[in-house]
Amino acid sequence: QVQLQQSGGGLVQAGGSLRLSCAASGLTFTNYGMGWFRQTPGKEREFVAAISWRSDSTYYADSVKGRFTISRDNAKNTVYLQMNSLKPEDTAVYYCAADFRTWGIGKTESEYDYWGQGTQVTVSS
């Protein structure tokens, strides 16, 4: 049974930092690209960042480029999202996701096969 267990959300002031973690189990982690998405009430889930299985490719939404960093540790089956210089508009439920592929990066929700449970990130002004 595949599980993506997220941790690390919370409340932070604008300008602060948070790191999200997503630990995968029940799958061969190196067969999957990993991504982060976020969703606010009444809106569709939006892409945030993704990383290839070898960490040789990363891709970011324009809204987070230069502030967020995605990384992964294949030995720990874990993907991370380091979020710096947070803004109130970053407030959302964040989801990690796994995309079965051996090359490239998935940038759309439909490409992802498994999803974490979501974690709330709230940035106060």
PDB file of N, CA and C in Angstrom:
ATOM      1  N   GLN A   1       0.839  -1.180   0.000  1.00  0.00           N
ATOM      2  CA  GLN A   1       0.000   0.000   0.000  1.00  0.00           C
ATOM      3  C   GLN A   1       0.888   1.249   0.000  1.00  0.00           C
ATOM      4  N   VAL A   2       0.671   2.083  -0.989  1.00  0.00           N
ATOM      5  CA  VAL A   2       1.482   3.290  -1.099  1.00  0.00           C
ATOM      6  C   VAL A   2       0.978   4.351  -0.125  1.00  0.00           C
ATOM      7  N   GLN A   3       1.920   4.947   0.583  1.00  0.00           N
ATOM      8  CA  GLN A   3       1.583   6.049   1.484  1.00  0.00           C
ATOM      9  C   GLN A   3       2.578   7.178   1.304  1.00  0.00           C
ATOM     10  N   LEU A   4       2.070   8.374   1.269  1.00  0.00           N
ATOM     11  CA  LEU A   4       2.896   9.574   1.293  1.00  0.00           C
ATOM     12  C   LEU A   4       2.509  10.342   2.546  1.00  0.00           C
ATOM     13  N   GLN A   5       3.405  10.337   3.518  1.00  0.00           N
ATOM     14  CA  GLN A   5       3.124  10.922   4.819  1.00  0.00           C
ATOM     15  C   GLN A   5       3.795  12.278   4.928  1.00  0.00           C
ATOM     16  N   GLN A   6       2.975  13.309   5.015  1.00  0.00           N
ATOM     17  CA  GLN A   6       3.490  14.671   5.056  1.00  0.00           C
ATOM     18  C   GLN A   6       3.654  15.169   6.482  1.00  0.00           C
ATOM     19  N   SER A   7       4.590  16.096   6.644  1.00  0.00           N
ATOM     20  CA  SER A   7       4.781  16.762   7.930  1.00  0.00           C
ATOM     21  C   SER A   7       5.400  18.130   7.692  1.00  0.00           C
ATOM     22  N   GLY A   8       5.297  19.001   8.699  1.00  0.00           N
ATOM     23  CA  GLY A   8       6.041  20.250   8.665  1.00  0.00           C
ATOM     24  C   GLY A   8       5.250  21.508   8.393  1.00  0.00           C
ATOM     25  N   GLY A   9       3.953  21.431   8.230  1.00  0.00           N
ATOM     26  CA  GLY A   9       3.187  22.656   7.998  1.00  0.00           C
ATOM     27  C   GLY A   9       3.035  23.459   9.277  1.00  0.00           C
ATOM     28  N   GLY A  10       2.285  24.553   9.198  1.00  0.00           N
ATOM     29  CA  GLY A  10       2.043  25.354  10.382  1.00  0.00           C
ATOM     30  C   GLY A  10       1.795  26.805  10.064  1.00  0.00           C
ATOM     31  N   LEU A  11       1.908  27.607  11.104  1.00  0.00           N
ATOM     32  CA  LEU A  11       1.666  29.049  11.017  1.00  0.00           C
ATOM     33  C   LEU A  11       2.992  29.778  11.111  1.00  0.00           C
ATOM     34  N   VAL A  12       3.199  30.733  10.213  1.00  0.00           N
ATOM     35  CA  VAL A  12       4.438  31.508  10.203  1.00  0.00           C
ATOM     36  C   VAL A  12       4.113  32.930   9.781  1.00  0.00           C
ATOM     37  N   GLN A  13       4.919  33.859  10.230  1.00  0.00           N
ATOM     38  CA  GLN A  13       4.735  35.247   9.811  1.00  0.00           C
ATOM     39  C   GLN A  13       5.321  35.464   8.423  1.00  0.00           C
ATOM     40  N   ALA A  14       4.798  36.459   7.752  1.00  0.00           N
ATOM     41  CA  ALA A  14       5.331  36.809   6.436  1.00  0.00           C
ATOM     42  C   ALA A  14       6.832  37.067   6.537  1.00  0.00           C
ATOM     43  N   GLY A  15       7.557  36.550   5.548  1.00  0.00           N
ATOM     44  CA  GLY A  15       9.002  36.658   5.556  1.00  0.00           C
ATOM     45  C   GLY A  15       9.702  35.483   6.205  1.00  0.00           C
ATOM     46  N   GLY A  16       8.943  34.654   6.879  1.00  0.00           N
ATOM     47  CA  GLY A  16       9.507  33.501   7.562  1.00  0.00           C
ATOM     48  C   GLY A  16       9.701  32.309   6.648  1.00  0.00           C
ATOM     49  N   SER A  17      10.092  31.198   7.264  1.00  0.00           N
ATOM     50  CA  SER A  17      10.409  29.979   6.515  1.00  0.00           C
ATOM     51  C   SER A  17       9.731  28.771   7.147  1.00  0.00           C
ATOM     52  N   LEU A  18       9.456  27.810   6.310  1.00  0.00           N
ATOM     53  CA  LEU A  18       8.972  26.504   6.746  1.00  0.00           C
ATOM     54  C   LEU A  18       9.565  25.451   5.827  1.00  0.00           C
ATOM     55  N   ARG A  19       9.712  24.237   6.357  1.00  0.00           N
ATOM     56  CA  ARG A  19      10.113  23.122   5.505  1.00  0.00           C
ATOM     57  C   ARG A  19       9.086  22.018   5.626  1.00  0.00           C
ATOM     58  N   LEU A  20       8.579  21.611   4.481  1.00  0.00           N
ATOM     59  CA  LEU A  20       7.651  20.487   4.419  1.00  0.00           C
ATOM     60  C   LEU A  20       8.429  19.221   4.059  1.00  0.00           C
ATOM     61  N   SER A  21       7.996  18.115   4.635  1.00  0.00           N
ATOM     62  CA  SER A  21       8.579  16.812   4.329  1.00  0.00           C
ATOM     63  C   SER A  21       7.481  15.862   3.881  1.00  0.00           C
ATOM     64  N   CYS A  22       7.871  14.914   3.061  1.00  0.00           N
ATOM     65  CA  CYS A  22       6.924  13.906   2.573  1.00  0.00           C
ATOM     66  C   CYS A  22       7.664  12.586   2.468  1.00  0.00           C
ATOM     67  N   ALA A  23       7.336  11.666   3.350  1.00  0.00           N
ATOM     68  CA  ALA A  23       7.992  10.362   3.390  1.00  0.00           C
ATOM     69  C   ALA A  23       7.140   9.336   2.660  1.00  0.00           C
ATOM     70  N   ALA A  24       7.730   8.673   1.690  1.00  0.00           N
ATOM     71  CA  ALA A  24       7.010   7.702   0.876  1.00  0.00           C
ATOM     72  C   ALA A  24       7.288   6.278   1.348  1.00  0.00           C
ATOM     73  N   SER A  25       6.276   5.442   1.256  1.00  0.00           N
ATOM     74  CA  SER A  25       6.434   4.029   1.551  1.00  0.00           C
ATOM     75  C   SER A  25       5.543   3.238   0.617  1.00  0.00           C
ATOM     76  N   GLY A  26       5.903   1.958   0.419  1.00  0.00           N
ATOM     77  CA  GLY A  26       5.088   1.097  -0.423  1.00  0.00           C
ATOM     78  C   GLY A  26       5.340   1.247  -1.906  1.00  0.00           C
ATOM     79  N   LEU A  27       6.379   1.969  -2.271  1.00  0.00           N
ATOM     80  CA  LEU A  27       6.726   2.114  -3.671  1.00  0.00           C
ATOM     81  C   LEU A  27       8.245   2.173  -3.798  1.00  0.00           C
ATOM     82  N   THR A  28       8.714   1.972  -5.039  1.00  0.00           N
ATOM     83  CA  THR A  28      10.151   2.118  -5.314  1.00  0.00           C
ATOM     84  C   THR A  28      10.398   3.580  -5.616  1.00  0.00           C
ATOM     85  N   PHE A  29      10.921   4.279  -4.644  1.00  0.00           N
ATOM     86  CA  PHE A  29      10.971   5.739  -4.677  1.00  0.00           C
ATOM     87  C   PHE A  29      11.698   6.274  -5.904  1.00  0.00           C
ATOM     88  N   THR A  30      12.735   5.574  -6.328  1.00  0.00           N
ATOM     89  CA  THR A  30      13.534   6.064  -7.461  1.00  0.00           C
ATOM     90  C   THR A  30      12.844   5.838  -8.806  1.00  0.00           C
ATOM     91  N   ASN A  31      11.660   5.238  -8.791  1.00  0.00           N
ATOM     92  CA  ASN A  31      10.857   5.138 -10.013  1.00  0.00           C
ATOM     93  C   ASN A  31       9.906   6.306 -10.193  1.00  0.00           C
ATOM     94  N   TYR A  32       9.986   7.253  -9.238  1.00  0.00           N
ATOM     95  CA  TYR A  32       8.995   8.318  -9.220  1.00  0.00           C
ATOM     96  C   TYR A  32       9.630   9.695  -9.191  1.00  0.00           C
ATOM     97  N   GLY A  33       9.128  10.559 -10.074  1.00  0.00           N
ATOM     98  CA  GLY A  33       9.335  11.978  -9.865  1.00  0.00           C
ATOM     99  C   GLY A  33       8.404  12.417  -8.747  1.00  0.00           C
ATOM    100  N   MET A  34       8.790  13.467  -8.058  1.00  0.00           N
ATOM    101  CA  MET A  34       7.992  13.939  -6.932  1.00  0.00           C
ATOM    102  C   MET A  34       7.632  15.407  -7.130  1.00  0.00           C
ATOM    103  N   GLY A  35       6.465  15.759  -6.657  1.00  0.00           N
ATOM    104  CA  GLY A  35       6.009  17.133  -6.822  1.00  0.00           C
ATOM    105  C   GLY A  35       5.283  17.641  -5.599  1.00  0.00           C
ATOM    106  N   TRP A  36       5.129  18.944  -5.577  1.00  0.00           N
ATOM    107  CA  TRP A  36       4.330  19.618  -4.551  1.00  0.00           C
ATOM    108  C   TRP A  36       3.281  20.477  -5.259  1.00  0.00           C
ATOM    109  N   PHE A  37       2.096  20.420  -4.734  1.00  0.00           N
ATOM    110  CA  PHE A  37       0.987  21.233  -5.217  1.00  0.00           C
ATOM    111  C   PHE A  37       0.376  21.934  -4.011  1.00  0.00           C
ATOM    112  N   ARG A  38      -0.464  22.923  -4.278  1.00  0.00           N
ATOM    113  CA  ARG A  38      -1.176  23.581  -3.186  1.00  0.00           C
ATOM    114  C   ARG A  38      -2.582  23.970  -3.635  1.00  0.00           C
ATOM    115  N   GLN A  39      -3.428  24.135  -2.636  1.00  0.00           N
ATOM    116  CA  GLN A  39      -4.825  24.436  -2.931  1.00  0.00           C
ATOM    117  C   GLN A  39      -5.393  25.346  -1.856  1.00  0.00           C
ATOM    118  N   THR A  40      -6.130  26.342  -2.299  1.00  0.00           N
ATOM    119  CA  THR A  40      -6.866  27.219  -1.393  1.00  0.00           C
ATOM    120  C   THR A  40      -8.356  27.009  -1.623  1.00  0.00           C
ATOM    121  N   PRO A  41      -9.177  27.333  -0.629  1.00  0.00           N
ATOM    122  CA  PRO A  41     -10.627  27.088  -0.756  1.00  0.00           C
ATOM    123  C   PRO A  41     -11.216  27.743  -1.997  1.00  0.00           C
ATOM    124  N   GLY A  42     -11.979  26.966  -2.727  1.00  0.00           N
ATOM    125  CA  GLY A  42     -12.656  27.478  -3.902  1.00  0.00           C
ATOM    126  C   GLY A  42     -11.814  27.541  -5.155  1.00  0.00           C
ATOM    127  N   LYS A  43     -10.573  27.113  -5.035  1.00  0.00           N
ATOM    128  CA  LYS A  43      -9.687  27.142  -6.201  1.00  0.00           C
ATOM    129  C   LYS A  43      -9.182  25.756  -6.527  1.00  0.00           C
ATOM    130  N   GLU A  44      -8.739  25.592  -7.753  1.00  0.00           N
ATOM    131  CA  GLU A  44      -8.166  24.316  -8.156  1.00  0.00           C
ATOM    132  C   GLU A  44      -6.764  24.158  -7.566  1.00  0.00           C
ATOM    133  N   ARG A  45      -6.374  22.905  -7.448  1.00  0.00           N
ATOM    134  CA  ARG A  45      -5.027  22.620  -6.980  1.00  0.00           C
ATOM    135  C   ARG A  45      -4.026  23.140  -8.010  1.00  0.00           C
ATOM    136  N   GLU A  46      -2.980  23.804  -7.528  1.00  0.00           N
ATOM    137  CA  GLU A  46      -2.000  24.358  -8.456  1.00  0.00           C
ATOM    138  C   GLU A  46      -0.612  23.777  -8.213  1.00  0.00           C
ATOM    139  N   PHE A  47       0.121  23.666  -9.278  1.00  0.00           N
ATOM    140  CA  PHE A  47       1.485  23.147  -9.233  1.00  0.00           C
ATOM    141  C   PHE A  47       2.396  24.129  -8.510  1.00  0.00           C
ATOM    142  N   VAL A  48       3.307  23.592  -7.701  1.00  0.00           N
ATOM    143  CA  VAL A  48       4.278  24.419  -6.990  1.00  0.00           C
ATOM    144  C   VAL A  48       5.702  24.098  -7.446  1.00  0.00           C
ATOM    145  N   ALA A  49       6.075  22.823  -7.377  1.00  0.00           N
ATOM    146  CA  ALA A  49       7.448  22.440  -7.700  1.00  0.00           C
ATOM    147  C   ALA A  49       7.501  20.944  -7.953  1.00  0.00           C
ATOM    148  N   ALA A  50       8.517  20.520  -8.707  1.00  0.00           N
ATOM    149  CA  ALA A  50       8.708  19.099  -8.969  1.00  0.00           C
ATOM    150  C   ALA A  50      10.187  18.811  -9.127  1.00  0.00           C
ATOM    151  N   ILE A  51      10.527  17.544  -8.912  1.00  0.00           N
ATOM    152  CA  ILE A  51      11.919  17.118  -9.000  1.00  0.00           C
ATOM    153  C   ILE A  51      11.971  15.732  -9.619  1.00  0.00           C
ATOM    154  N   SER A  52      12.960  15.510 -10.462  1.00  0.00           N
ATOM    155  CA  SER A  52      13.127  14.210 -11.095  1.00  0.00           C
ATOM    156  C   SER A  52      13.683  13.197 -10.100  1.00  0.00           C
ATOM    157  N   TRP A  53      13.672  11.920 -10.482  1.00  0.00           N
ATOM    158  CA  TRP A  53      14.085  10.899  -9.521  1.00  0.00           C
ATOM    159  C   TRP A  53      15.546  11.007  -9.150  1.00  0.00           C
ATOM    160  N   ARG A  54      16.374  11.507 -10.082  1.00  0.00           N
ATOM    161  CA  ARG A  54      17.800  11.636  -9.790  1.00  0.00           C
ATOM    162  C   ARG A  54      18.171  13.018  -9.274  1.00  0.00           C
ATOM    163  N   SER A  55      17.166  13.877  -9.107  1.00  0.00           N
ATOM    164  CA  SER A  55      17.391  15.256  -8.657  1.00  0.00           C
ATOM    165  C   SER A  55      18.167  16.077  -9.676  1.00  0.00           C
ATOM    166  N   ASP A  56      18.240  15.620 -10.909  1.00  0.00           N
ATOM    167  CA  ASP A  56      18.983  16.385 -11.910  1.00  0.00           C
ATOM    168  C   ASP A  56      18.120  17.425 -12.610  1.00  0.00           C
ATOM    169  N   SER A  57      16.827  17.348 -12.366  1.00  0.00           N
ATOM    170  CA  SER A  57      15.920  18.350 -12.928  1.00  0.00           C
ATOM    171  C   SER A  57      14.931  18.798 -11.868  1.00  0.00           C
ATOM    172  N   THR A  58      14.718  20.094 -11.813  1.00  0.00           N
ATOM    173  CA  THR A  58      13.685  20.670 -10.948  1.00  0.00           C
ATOM    174  C   THR A  58      12.917  21.707 -11.749  1.00  0.00           C
ATOM    175  N   TYR A  59      11.703  21.954 -11.305  1.00  0.00           N
ATOM    176  CA  TYR A  59      10.865  22.937 -11.990  1.00  0.00           C
ATOM    177  C   TYR A  59       9.970  23.603 -10.962  1.00  0.00           C
ATOM    178  N   TYR A  60       9.793  24.916 -11.119  1.00  0.00           N
ATOM    179  CA  TYR A  60       9.028  25.685 -10.145  1.00  0.00           C
ATOM    180  C   TYR A  60       7.970  26.539 -10.831  1.00  0.00           C
ATOM    181  N   ALA A  61       6.882  26.733 -10.142  1.00  0.00           N
ATOM    182  CA  ALA A  61       5.919  27.732 -10.570  1.00  0.00           C
ATOM    183  C   ALA A  61       6.565  29.108 -10.451  1.00  0.00           C
ATOM    184  N   ASP A  62       6.188  30.002 -11.330  1.00  0.00           N
ATOM    185  CA  ASP A  62       6.771  31.344 -11.304  1.00  0.00           C
ATOM    186  C   ASP A  62       6.544  32.031  -9.963  1.00  0.00           C
ATOM    187  N   SER A  63       5.419  31.739  -9.341  1.00  0.00           N
ATOM    188  CA  SER A  63       5.061  32.413  -8.100  1.00  0.00           C
ATOM    189  C   SER A  63       5.973  32.062  -6.932  1.00  0.00           C
ATOM    190  N   VAL A  64       6.707  30.954  -7.030  1.00  0.00           N
ATOM    191  CA  VAL A  64       7.569  30.540  -5.918  1.00  0.00           C
ATOM    192  C   VAL A  64       9.034  30.499  -6.301  1.00  0.00           C
ATOM    193  N   LYS A  65       9.336  30.713  -7.554  1.00  0.00           N
ATOM    194  CA  LYS A  65      10.714  30.621  -8.028  1.00  0.00           C
ATOM    195  C   LYS A  65      11.603  31.592  -7.261  1.00  0.00           C
ATOM    196  N   GLY A  66      12.754  31.104  -6.820  1.00  0.00           N
ATOM    197  CA  GLY A  66      13.671  31.932  -6.059  1.00  0.00           C
ATOM    198  C   GLY A  66      13.395  31.958  -4.570  1.00  0.00           C
ATOM    199  N   ARG A  67      12.231  31.463  -4.144  1.00  0.00           N
ATOM    200  CA  ARG A  67      11.878  31.429  -2.721  1.00  0.00           C
ATOM    201  C   ARG A  67      11.755  30.002  -2.189  1.00  0.00           C
ATOM    202  N   PHE A  68      11.276  29.092  -3.006  1.00  0.00           N
ATOM    203  CA  PHE A  68      11.080  27.714  -2.595  1.00  0.00           C
ATOM    204  C   PHE A  68      12.144  26.831  -3.249  1.00  0.00           C
ATOM    205  N   THR A  69      12.512  25.778  -2.537  1.00  0.00           N
ATOM    206  CA  THR A  69      13.466  24.797  -3.068  1.00  0.00           C
ATOM    207  C   THR A  69      12.950  23.398  -2.799  1.00  0.00           C
ATOM    208  N   ILE A  70      12.853  22.615  -3.856  1.00  0.00           N
ATOM    209  CA  ILE A  70      12.474  21.215  -3.710  1.00  0.00           C
ATOM    210  C   ILE A  70      13.734  20.369  -3.724  1.00  0.00           C
ATOM    211  N   SER A  71      13.753  19.347  -2.893  1.00  0.00           N
ATOM    212  CA  SER A  71      14.886  18.424  -2.858  1.00  0.00           C
ATOM    213  C   SER A  71      14.377  17.062  -2.436  1.00  0.00           C
ATOM    214  N   ARG A  72      15.212  16.050  -2.594  1.00  0.00           N
ATOM    215  CA  ARG A  72      14.817  14.703  -2.192  1.00  0.00           C
ATOM    216  C   ARG A  72      16.028  13.949  -1.692  1.00  0.00           C
ATOM    217  N   ASP A  73      15.754  12.996  -0.818  1.00  0.00           N
ATOM    218  CA  ASP A  73      16.775  12.097  -0.294  1.00  0.00           C
ATOM    219  C   ASP A  73      16.296  10.683  -0.603  1.00  0.00           C
ATOM    220  N   ASN A  74      16.849  10.081  -1.631  1.00  0.00           N
ATOM    221  CA  ASN A  74      16.382   8.763  -2.050  1.00  0.00           C
ATOM    222  C   ASN A  74      16.704   7.684  -1.020  1.00  0.00           C
ATOM    223  N   ALA A  75      17.718   7.901  -0.225  1.00  0.00           N
ATOM    224  CA  ALA A  75      18.047   6.930   0.824  1.00  0.00           C
ATOM    225  C   ALA A  75      16.974   6.912   1.915  1.00  0.00           C
ATOM    226  N   LYS A  76      16.288   8.034   2.069  1.00  0.00           N
ATOM    227  CA  LYS A  76      15.238   8.147   3.094  1.00  0.00           C
ATOM    228  C   LYS A  76      13.837   8.130   2.501  1.00  0.00           C
ATOM    229  N   ASN A  77      13.734   7.954   1.186  1.00  0.00           N
ATOM    230  CA  ASN A  77      12.422   7.959   0.518  1.00  0.00           C
ATOM    231  C   ASN A  77      11.619   9.208   0.872  1.00  0.00           C
ATOM    232  N   THR A  78      12.281  10.331   0.882  1.00  0.00           N
ATOM    233  CA  THR A  78      11.644  11.565   1.342  1.00  0.00           C
ATOM    234  C   THR A  78      11.923  12.709   0.378  1.00  0.00           C
ATOM    235  N   VAL A  79      10.897  13.518   0.170  1.00  0.00           N
ATOM    236  CA  VAL A  79      11.025  14.740  -0.607  1.00  0.00           C
ATOM    237  C   VAL A  79      10.719  15.915   0.318  1.00  0.00           C
ATOM    238  N   TYR A  80      11.381  17.016   0.057  1.00  0.00           N
ATOM    239  CA  TYR A  80      11.255  18.200   0.903  1.00  0.00           C
ATOM    240  C   TYR A  80      10.858  19.412   0.070  1.00  0.00           C
ATOM    241  N   LEU A  81      10.229  20.356   0.737  1.00  0.00           N
ATOM    242  CA  LEU A  81       9.975  21.657   0.140  1.00  0.00           C
ATOM    243  C   LEU A  81      10.387  22.715   1.161  1.00  0.00           C
ATOM    244  N   GLN A  82      11.504  23.364   0.881  1.00  0.00           N
ATOM    245  CA  GLN A  82      11.968  24.459   1.727  1.00  0.00           C
ATOM    246  C   GLN A  82      11.335  25.748   1.225  1.00  0.00           C
ATOM    247  N   MET A  83      10.612  26.412   2.093  1.00  0.00           N
ATOM    248  CA  MET A  83       9.882  27.614   1.708  1.00  0.00           C
ATOM    249  C   MET A  83      10.427  28.792   2.495  1.00  0.00           C
ATOM    250  N   ASN A  84      11.027  29.721   1.790  1.00  0.00           N
ATOM    251  CA  ASN A  84      11.597  30.925   2.403  1.00  0.00           C
ATOM    252  C   ASN A  84      10.844  32.158   1.913  1.00  0.00           C
ATOM    253  N   SER A  85      11.039  33.245   2.619  1.00  0.00           N
ATOM    254  CA  SER A  85      10.401  34.523   2.252  1.00  0.00           C
ATOM    255  C   SER A  85       8.910  34.339   1.996  1.00  0.00           C
ATOM    256  N   LEU A  86       8.271  33.656   2.906  1.00  0.00           N
ATOM    257  CA  LEU A  86       6.857  33.336   2.718  1.00  0.00           C
ATOM    258  C   LEU A  86       5.989  34.578   2.704  1.00  0.00           C
ATOM    259  N   LYS A  87       4.953  34.515   1.891  1.00  0.00           N
ATOM    260  CA  LYS A  87       4.005  35.607   1.724  1.00  0.00           C
ATOM    261  C   LYS A  87       2.614  35.131   2.127  1.00  0.00           C
ATOM    262  N   PRO A  88       1.733  36.037   2.517  1.00  0.00           N
ATOM    263  CA  PRO A  88       0.361  35.619   2.847  1.00  0.00           C
ATOM    264  C   PRO A  88      -0.311  34.844   1.712  1.00  0.00           C
ATOM    265  N   GLU A  89       0.015  35.172   0.487  1.00  0.00           N
ATOM    266  CA  GLU A  89      -0.588  34.462  -0.647  1.00  0.00           C
ATOM    267  C   GLU A  89      -0.078  33.038  -0.811  1.00  0.00           C
ATOM    268  N   ASP A  90       0.916  32.651  -0.049  1.00  0.00           N
ATOM    269  CA  ASP A  90       1.368  31.252  -0.031  1.00  0.00           C
ATOM    270  C   ASP A  90       0.493  30.386   0.881  1.00  0.00           C
ATOM    271  N   THR A  91      -0.403  31.008   1.612  1.00  0.00           N
ATOM    272  CA  THR A  91      -1.304  30.258   2.488  1.00  0.00           C
ATOM    273  C   THR A  91      -2.148  29.290   1.675  1.00  0.00           C
ATOM    274  N   ALA A  92      -2.098  28.021   2.045  1.00  0.00           N
ATOM    275  CA  ALA A  92      -2.806  26.974   1.302  1.00  0.00           C
ATOM    276  C   ALA A  92      -2.602  25.640   2.008  1.00  0.00           C
ATOM    277  N   VAL A  93      -3.338  24.654   1.552  1.00  0.00           N
ATOM    278  CA  VAL A  93      -3.024  23.273   1.907  1.00  0.00           C
ATOM    279  C   VAL A  93      -2.048  22.753   0.855  1.00  0.00           C
ATOM    280  N   TYR A  94      -0.939  22.233   1.320  1.00  0.00           N
ATOM    281  CA  TYR A  94       0.110  21.748   0.423  1.00  0.00           C
ATOM    282  C   TYR A  94       0.060  20.228   0.362  1.00  0.00           C
ATOM    283  N   TYR A  95       0.214  19.714  -0.853  1.00  0.00           N
ATOM    284  CA  TYR A  95       0.175  18.278  -1.094  1.00  0.00           C
ATOM    285  C   TYR A  95       1.452  17.824  -1.789  1.00  0.00           C
ATOM    286  N   CYS A  96       2.022  16.731  -1.326  1.00  0.00           N
ATOM    287  CA  CYS A  96       3.076  16.103  -2.104  1.00  0.00           C
ATOM    288  C   CYS A  96       2.448  15.026  -2.978  1.00  0.00           C
ATOM    289  N   ALA A  97       3.138  14.685  -4.052  1.00  0.00           N
ATOM    290  CA  ALA A  97       2.600  13.707  -4.989  1.00  0.00           C
ATOM    291  C   ALA A  97       3.736  12.957  -5.666  1.00  0.00           C
ATOM    292  N   ALA A  98       3.441  11.730  -6.083  1.00  0.00           N
ATOM    293  CA  ALA A  98       4.415  10.867  -6.741  1.00  0.00           C
ATOM    294  C   ALA A  98       3.945  10.557  -8.152  1.00  0.00           C
ATOM    295  N   ASP A  99       4.871  10.677  -9.087  1.00  0.00           N
ATOM    296  CA  ASP A  99       4.595  10.525 -10.520  1.00  0.00           C
ATOM    297  C   ASP A  99       5.485   9.424 -11.064  1.00  0.00           C
ATOM    298  N   PHE A 100       4.907   8.307 -11.486  1.00  0.00           N
ATOM    299  CA  PHE A 100       5.701   7.183 -11.979  1.00  0.00           C
ATOM    300  C   PHE A 100       6.301   7.538 -13.333  1.00  0.00           C
ATOM    301  N   ARG A 101       7.618   7.770 -13.338  1.00  0.00           N
ATOM    302  CA  ARG A 101       8.318   8.079 -14.580  1.00  0.00           C
ATOM    303  C   ARG A 101       9.811   7.889 -14.342  1.00  0.00           C
ATOM    304  N   THR A 102      10.541   7.618 -15.417  1.00  0.00           N
ATOM    305  CA  THR A 102      11.992   7.422 -15.290  1.00  0.00           C
ATOM    306  C   THR A 102      12.771   8.572 -15.909  1.00  0.00           C
ATOM    307  N   TRP A 103      12.047   9.536 -16.486  1.00  0.00           N
ATOM    308  CA  TRP A 103      12.746  10.717 -17.004  1.00  0.00           C
ATOM    309  C   TRP A 103      11.785  11.893 -16.974  1.00  0.00           C
ATOM    310  N   GLY A 104      12.376  13.081 -16.937  1.00  0.00           N
ATOM    311  CA  GLY A 104      11.559  14.279 -16.990  1.00  0.00           C
ATOM    312  C   GLY A 104      10.846  14.596 -15.685  1.00  0.00           C
ATOM    313  N   ILE A 105       9.946  15.548 -15.766  1.00  0.00           N
ATOM    314  CA  ILE A 105       9.237  16.061 -14.601  1.00  0.00           C
ATOM    315  C   ILE A 105       7.770  16.245 -14.948  1.00  0.00           C
ATOM    316  N   GLY A 106       6.906  15.826 -14.078  1.00  0.00           N
ATOM    317  CA  GLY A 106       5.486  16.076 -14.246  1.00  0.00           C
ATOM    318  C   GLY A 106       5.117  17.442 -13.725  1.00  0.00           C
ATOM    319  N   LYS A 107       4.334  18.185 -14.511  1.00  0.00           N
ATOM    320  CA  LYS A 107       3.987  19.546 -14.133  1.00  0.00           C
ATOM    321  C   LYS A 107       2.491  19.748 -13.990  1.00  0.00           C
ATOM    322  N   THR A 108       1.732  18.708 -14.227  1.00  0.00           N
ATOM    323  CA  THR A 108       0.281  18.827 -14.114  1.00  0.00           C
ATOM    324  C   THR A 108      -0.259  17.770 -13.159  1.00  0.00           C
ATOM    325  N   GLU A 109      -1.348  18.126 -12.518  1.00  0.00           N
ATOM    326  CA  GLU A 109      -1.953  17.256 -11.514  1.00  0.00           C
ATOM    327  C   GLU A 109      -2.259  15.871 -12.076  1.00  0.00           C
ATOM    328  N   SER A 110      -2.706  15.804 -13.308  1.00  0.00           N
ATOM    329  CA  SER A 110      -3.140  14.535 -13.888  1.00  0.00           C
ATOM    330  C   SER A 110      -1.999  13.549 -14.091  1.00  0.00           C
ATOM    331  N   GLU A 111      -0.771  14.030 -14.071  1.00  0.00           N
ATOM    332  CA  GLU A 111       0.377  13.137 -14.276  1.00  0.00           C
ATOM    333  C   GLU A 111       0.754  12.381 -13.011  1.00  0.00           C
ATOM    334  N   TYR A 112       0.215  12.755 -11.889  1.00  0.00           N
ATOM    335  CA  TYR A 112       0.637  12.187 -10.619  1.00  0.00           C
ATOM    336  C   TYR A 112      -0.270  11.044 -10.188  1.00  0.00           C
ATOM    337  N   ASP A 113       0.351  10.027  -9.620  1.00  0.00           N
ATOM    338  CA  ASP A 113      -0.348   8.787  -9.314  1.00  0.00           C
ATOM    339  C   ASP A 113      -0.784   8.674  -7.858  1.00  0.00           C
ATOM    340  N   TYR A 114       0.026   9.221  -6.967  1.00  0.00           N
ATOM    341  CA  TYR A 114      -0.264   9.093  -5.538  1.00  0.00           C
ATOM    342  C   TYR A 114      -0.123  10.454  -4.881  1.00  0.00           C
ATOM    343  N   TRP A 115      -0.925  10.643  -3.829  1.00  0.00           N
ATOM    344  CA  TRP A 115      -0.971  11.940  -3.162  1.00  0.00           C
ATOM    345  C   TRP A 115      -0.857  11.791  -1.653  1.00  0.00           C
ATOM    346  N   GLY A 116      -0.201  12.778  -1.038  1.00  0.00           N
ATOM    347  CA  GLY A 116      -0.184  12.855   0.411  1.00  0.00           C
ATOM    348  C   GLY A 116      -1.498  13.380   0.942  1.00  0.00           C
ATOM    349  N   GLN A 117      -1.585  13.450   2.257  1.00  0.00           N
ATOM    350  CA  GLN A 117      -2.837  13.805   2.908  1.00  0.00           C
ATOM    351  C   GLN A 117      -3.076  15.307   2.967  1.00  0.00           C
ATOM    352  N   GLY A 118      -2.054  16.065   2.664  1.00  0.00           N
ATOM    353  CA  GLY A 118      -2.172  17.522   2.712  1.00  0.00           C
ATOM    354  C   GLY A 118      -1.757  18.064   4.064  1.00  0.00           C
ATOM    355  N   THR A 119      -1.145  19.241   4.048  1.00  0.00           N
ATOM    356  CA  THR A 119      -0.756  19.902   5.286  1.00  0.00           C
ATOM    357  C   THR A 119      -0.977  21.401   5.129  1.00  0.00           C
ATOM    358  N   GLN A 120      -1.539  21.998   6.164  1.00  0.00           N
ATOM    359  CA  GLN A 120      -1.882  23.415   6.100  1.00  0.00           C
ATOM    360  C   GLN A 120      -0.647  24.277   6.344  1.00  0.00           C
ATOM    361  N   VAL A 121      -0.478  25.267   5.485  1.00  0.00           N
ATOM    362  CA  VAL A 121       0.522  26.310   5.680  1.00  0.00           C
ATOM    363  C   VAL A 121      -0.223  27.637   5.722  1.00  0.00           C
ATOM    364  N   THR A 122      -0.038  28.367   6.807  1.00  0.00           N
ATOM    365  CA  THR A 122      -0.694  29.656   6.972  1.00  0.00           C
ATOM    366  C   THR A 122       0.369  30.715   7.204  1.00  0.00           C
ATOM    367  N   VAL A 123       0.343  31.745   6.377  1.00  0.00           N
ATOM    368  CA  VAL A 123       1.304  32.834   6.490  1.00  0.00           C
ATOM    369  C   VAL A 123       0.537  34.092   6.889  1.00  0.00           C
ATOM    370  N   SER A 124       0.870  34.614   8.047  1.00  0.00           N
ATOM    371  CA  SER A 124       0.181  35.811   8.540  1.00  0.00           C
ATOM    372  C   SER A 124       0.921  37.070   8.109  1.00  0.00           C
ATOM    373  N   SER A 125       0.164  38.122   7.899  1.00  0.00           N
ATOM    374  CA  SER A 125       0.774  39.373   7.446  1.00  0.00           C
ATOM    375  C   SER A 125       1.176  40.240   8.612  1.00  0.00           C
TER     376      SER A 125
END
